[in-house]
């Protein structure tokens, strides 16, 4: 059965946090990248890696704290 508070609100909270997190990381990496094609590609690659790891870490902590 689906519990509104645990399932739906938890999912919406995670989506909000992940969206903000990815947006901030991408904005920072893009703003500080070198203005060349190599700089942009390096910034894109590092954005994907850092955002993916950050999502895993934040997902763990949100899940751990939400269950308390």
N, C-alpha and C. Protein backbone atom coordinates (compact mmCIF):
# COMPACT_ATOMS: atom_id res chain seq x y z
N UNK A 1 0.83 -1.17 0.00
CA UNK A 1 0.00 0.00 0.00
C UNK A 1 0.88 1.24 0.00
N UNK A 2 0.38 2.31 -0.55
CA UNK A 2 1.13 3.56 -0.68
C UNK A 2 0.73 4.49 0.45
N UNK A 3 1.72 4.91 1.21
CA UNK A 3 1.49 5.87 2.28
C UNK A 3 1.84 7.26 1.74
N UNK A 4 0.93 8.20 1.87
CA UNK A 4 1.13 9.51 1.26
C UNK A 4 2.35 10.21 1.82
N UNK A 5 2.48 10.24 3.14
CA UNK A 5 3.58 10.99 3.75
C UNK A 5 4.92 10.33 3.45
N UNK A 6 5.02 9.03 3.67
CA UNK A 6 6.30 8.36 3.49
C UNK A 6 6.69 8.24 2.02
N UNK A 7 5.78 7.90 1.16
CA UNK A 7 6.12 7.61 -0.23
C UNK A 7 6.05 8.85 -1.13
N UNK A 8 4.93 9.51 -1.15
CA UNK A 8 4.73 10.61 -2.09
C UNK A 8 5.52 11.85 -1.66
N UNK A 9 5.40 12.26 -0.42
CA UNK A 9 6.12 13.45 0.02
C UNK A 9 7.63 13.20 0.05
N UNK A 10 8.04 12.00 0.39
CA UNK A 10 9.47 11.67 0.35
C UNK A 10 10.01 11.76 -1.06
N UNK A 11 9.26 11.29 -2.03
CA UNK A 11 9.68 11.36 -3.43
C UNK A 11 9.75 12.80 -3.91
N UNK A 12 8.77 13.61 -3.54
CA UNK A 12 8.78 15.02 -3.95
C UNK A 12 9.93 15.78 -3.30
N UNK A 13 10.22 15.48 -2.05
CA UNK A 13 11.36 16.12 -1.38
C UNK A 13 12.66 15.75 -2.07
N UNK A 14 12.84 14.47 -2.38
CA UNK A 14 14.06 14.05 -3.05
C UNK A 14 14.18 14.68 -4.43
N UNK A 15 13.10 14.75 -5.18
CA UNK A 15 13.14 15.36 -6.50
C UNK A 15 13.53 16.84 -6.41
N UNK A 16 13.00 17.54 -5.44
CA UNK A 16 13.34 18.94 -5.24
C UNK A 16 14.82 19.11 -4.89
N UNK A 17 15.30 18.31 -3.94
CA UNK A 17 16.69 18.40 -3.50
C UNK A 17 17.63 18.04 -4.65
N UNK A 18 17.32 16.97 -5.38
CA UNK A 18 18.19 16.55 -6.48
C UNK A 18 18.20 17.57 -7.60
N UNK A 19 17.06 18.17 -7.91
CA UNK A 19 17.00 19.19 -8.95
C UNK A 19 17.82 20.41 -8.60
N UNK A 20 17.70 20.86 -7.37
CA UNK A 20 18.49 22.01 -6.91
C UNK A 20 19.97 21.67 -6.92
N UNK A 21 20.31 20.48 -6.45
CA UNK A 21 21.70 20.05 -6.38
C UNK A 21 22.34 20.00 -7.76
N UNK A 22 21.68 19.37 -8.71
CA UNK A 22 22.22 19.25 -10.06
C UNK A 22 22.30 20.63 -10.72
N UNK A 23 21.31 21.46 -10.51
CA UNK A 23 21.34 22.81 -11.07
C UNK A 23 22.49 23.64 -10.55
N UNK A 24 22.74 23.57 -9.24
CA UNK A 24 23.84 24.32 -8.65
C UNK A 24 25.19 23.81 -9.13
N UNK A 25 25.35 22.50 -9.18
CA UNK A 25 26.62 21.92 -9.63
C UNK A 25 26.88 22.28 -11.09
N UNK A 26 25.87 22.15 -11.94
CA UNK A 26 26.04 22.45 -13.36
C UNK A 26 26.33 23.93 -13.58
N UNK A 27 25.66 24.79 -12.84
CA UNK A 27 25.89 26.22 -12.97
C UNK A 27 27.31 26.58 -12.56
N UNK A 28 27.76 26.05 -11.45
CA UNK A 28 29.12 26.35 -10.97
C UNK A 28 30.17 25.83 -11.95
N UNK A 29 30.01 24.57 -12.39
CA UNK A 29 31.00 23.99 -13.31
C UNK A 29 31.00 24.71 -14.64
N UNK A 30 29.86 25.10 -15.12
CA UNK A 30 29.79 25.83 -16.38
C UNK A 30 30.37 27.23 -16.28
N UNK A 31 30.11 27.88 -15.16
CA UNK A 31 30.59 29.25 -14.97
C UNK A 31 32.10 29.30 -14.84
N UNK A 32 32.70 28.27 -14.22
CA UNK A 32 34.14 28.26 -13.98
C UNK A 32 34.92 27.50 -15.05
N UNK A 33 34.27 27.06 -16.10
CA UNK A 33 34.98 26.31 -17.14
C UNK A 33 35.77 27.25 -18.04
N UNK A 34 36.77 26.67 -18.67
CA UNK A 34 37.55 27.43 -19.65
C UNK A 34 36.69 27.67 -20.90
N UNK A 35 36.83 28.82 -21.52
CA UNK A 35 35.97 29.13 -22.68
C UNK A 35 36.46 28.50 -23.98
N UNK A 36 36.77 27.24 -23.92
CA UNK A 36 37.17 26.49 -25.11
C UNK A 36 36.32 25.23 -25.19
N UNK A 37 36.38 24.56 -26.32
CA UNK A 37 35.60 23.32 -26.45
C UNK A 37 36.12 22.26 -25.49
N UNK A 38 37.42 22.23 -25.25
CA UNK A 38 37.98 21.27 -24.30
C UNK A 38 37.54 21.61 -22.87
N UNK A 39 37.49 22.89 -22.55
CA UNK A 39 37.05 23.30 -21.22
C UNK A 39 35.59 22.99 -20.96
N UNK A 40 34.76 23.19 -21.97
CA UNK A 40 33.34 22.90 -21.82
C UNK A 40 33.11 21.40 -21.70
N UNK A 41 33.82 20.60 -22.48
CA UNK A 41 33.64 19.15 -22.38
C UNK A 41 34.15 18.63 -21.05
N UNK A 42 35.24 19.18 -20.53
CA UNK A 42 35.74 18.76 -19.21
C UNK A 42 34.75 19.16 -18.12
N UNK A 43 34.15 20.35 -18.24
CA UNK A 43 33.17 20.79 -17.25
C UNK A 43 31.92 19.91 -17.30
N UNK A 44 31.52 19.51 -18.49
CA UNK A 44 30.35 18.64 -18.62
C UNK A 44 30.60 17.28 -17.99
N UNK A 45 31.77 16.72 -18.27
CA UNK A 45 32.11 15.41 -17.70
C UNK A 45 32.18 15.48 -16.18
N UNK A 46 32.84 16.50 -15.66
CA UNK A 46 32.95 16.61 -14.21
C UNK A 46 31.59 16.88 -13.56
N UNK A 47 30.72 17.61 -14.25
CA UNK A 47 29.38 17.85 -13.74
C UNK A 47 28.61 16.56 -13.59
N UNK A 48 28.67 15.70 -14.60
CA UNK A 48 27.95 14.43 -14.55
C UNK A 48 28.48 13.57 -13.41
N UNK A 49 29.79 13.49 -13.27
CA UNK A 49 30.39 12.65 -12.23
C UNK A 49 30.05 13.18 -10.84
N UNK A 50 30.26 14.47 -10.62
CA UNK A 50 30.02 15.06 -9.29
C UNK A 50 28.53 15.02 -8.95
N UNK A 51 27.68 15.29 -9.91
CA UNK A 51 26.23 15.27 -9.65
C UNK A 51 25.75 13.85 -9.33
N UNK A 52 26.27 12.87 -10.05
CA UNK A 52 25.86 11.48 -9.80
C UNK A 52 26.26 11.02 -8.40
N UNK A 53 27.48 11.31 -8.02
CA UNK A 53 27.95 10.91 -6.69
C UNK A 53 27.20 11.69 -5.61
N UNK A 54 26.96 12.97 -5.85
CA UNK A 54 26.23 13.78 -4.88
C UNK A 54 24.80 13.28 -4.68
N UNK A 55 24.17 12.88 -5.77
CA UNK A 55 22.81 12.34 -5.66
C UNK A 55 22.80 11.07 -4.82
N UNK A 56 23.77 10.20 -5.04
CA UNK A 56 23.84 8.97 -4.23
C UNK A 56 24.02 9.29 -2.75
N UNK A 57 24.89 10.24 -2.45
CA UNK A 57 25.16 10.60 -1.05
C UNK A 57 23.93 11.26 -0.42
N UNK A 58 23.35 12.23 -1.13
CA UNK A 58 22.18 12.92 -0.58
C UNK A 58 20.99 11.97 -0.45
N UNK A 59 20.84 11.04 -1.39
CA UNK A 59 19.76 10.05 -1.30
C UNK A 59 19.91 9.20 -0.05
N UNK A 60 21.13 8.80 0.24
CA UNK A 60 21.38 8.01 1.45
C UNK A 60 20.98 8.79 2.71
N UNK A 61 21.41 10.03 2.80
CA UNK A 61 21.14 10.81 4.00
C UNK A 61 19.66 11.18 4.12
N UNK A 62 19.02 11.52 3.02
CA UNK A 62 17.60 11.85 3.09
C UNK A 62 16.79 10.61 3.51
N UNK A 63 17.13 9.47 2.94
CA UNK A 63 16.43 8.23 3.31
C UNK A 63 16.67 7.88 4.76
N UNK A 64 17.90 8.04 5.23
CA UNK A 64 18.22 7.72 6.62
C UNK A 64 17.49 8.66 7.57
N UNK A 65 17.44 9.94 7.25
CA UNK A 65 16.78 10.90 8.14
C UNK A 65 15.26 10.84 8.05
N UNK A 66 14.72 10.50 6.87
CA UNK A 66 13.28 10.45 6.68
C UNK A 66 12.68 9.27 7.48
N UNK A 67 13.43 8.20 7.63
CA UNK A 67 12.92 7.02 8.32
C UNK A 67 12.94 7.12 9.83
N UNK A 68 13.54 8.19 10.37
CA UNK A 68 13.65 8.32 11.83
C UNK A 68 12.33 8.68 12.45
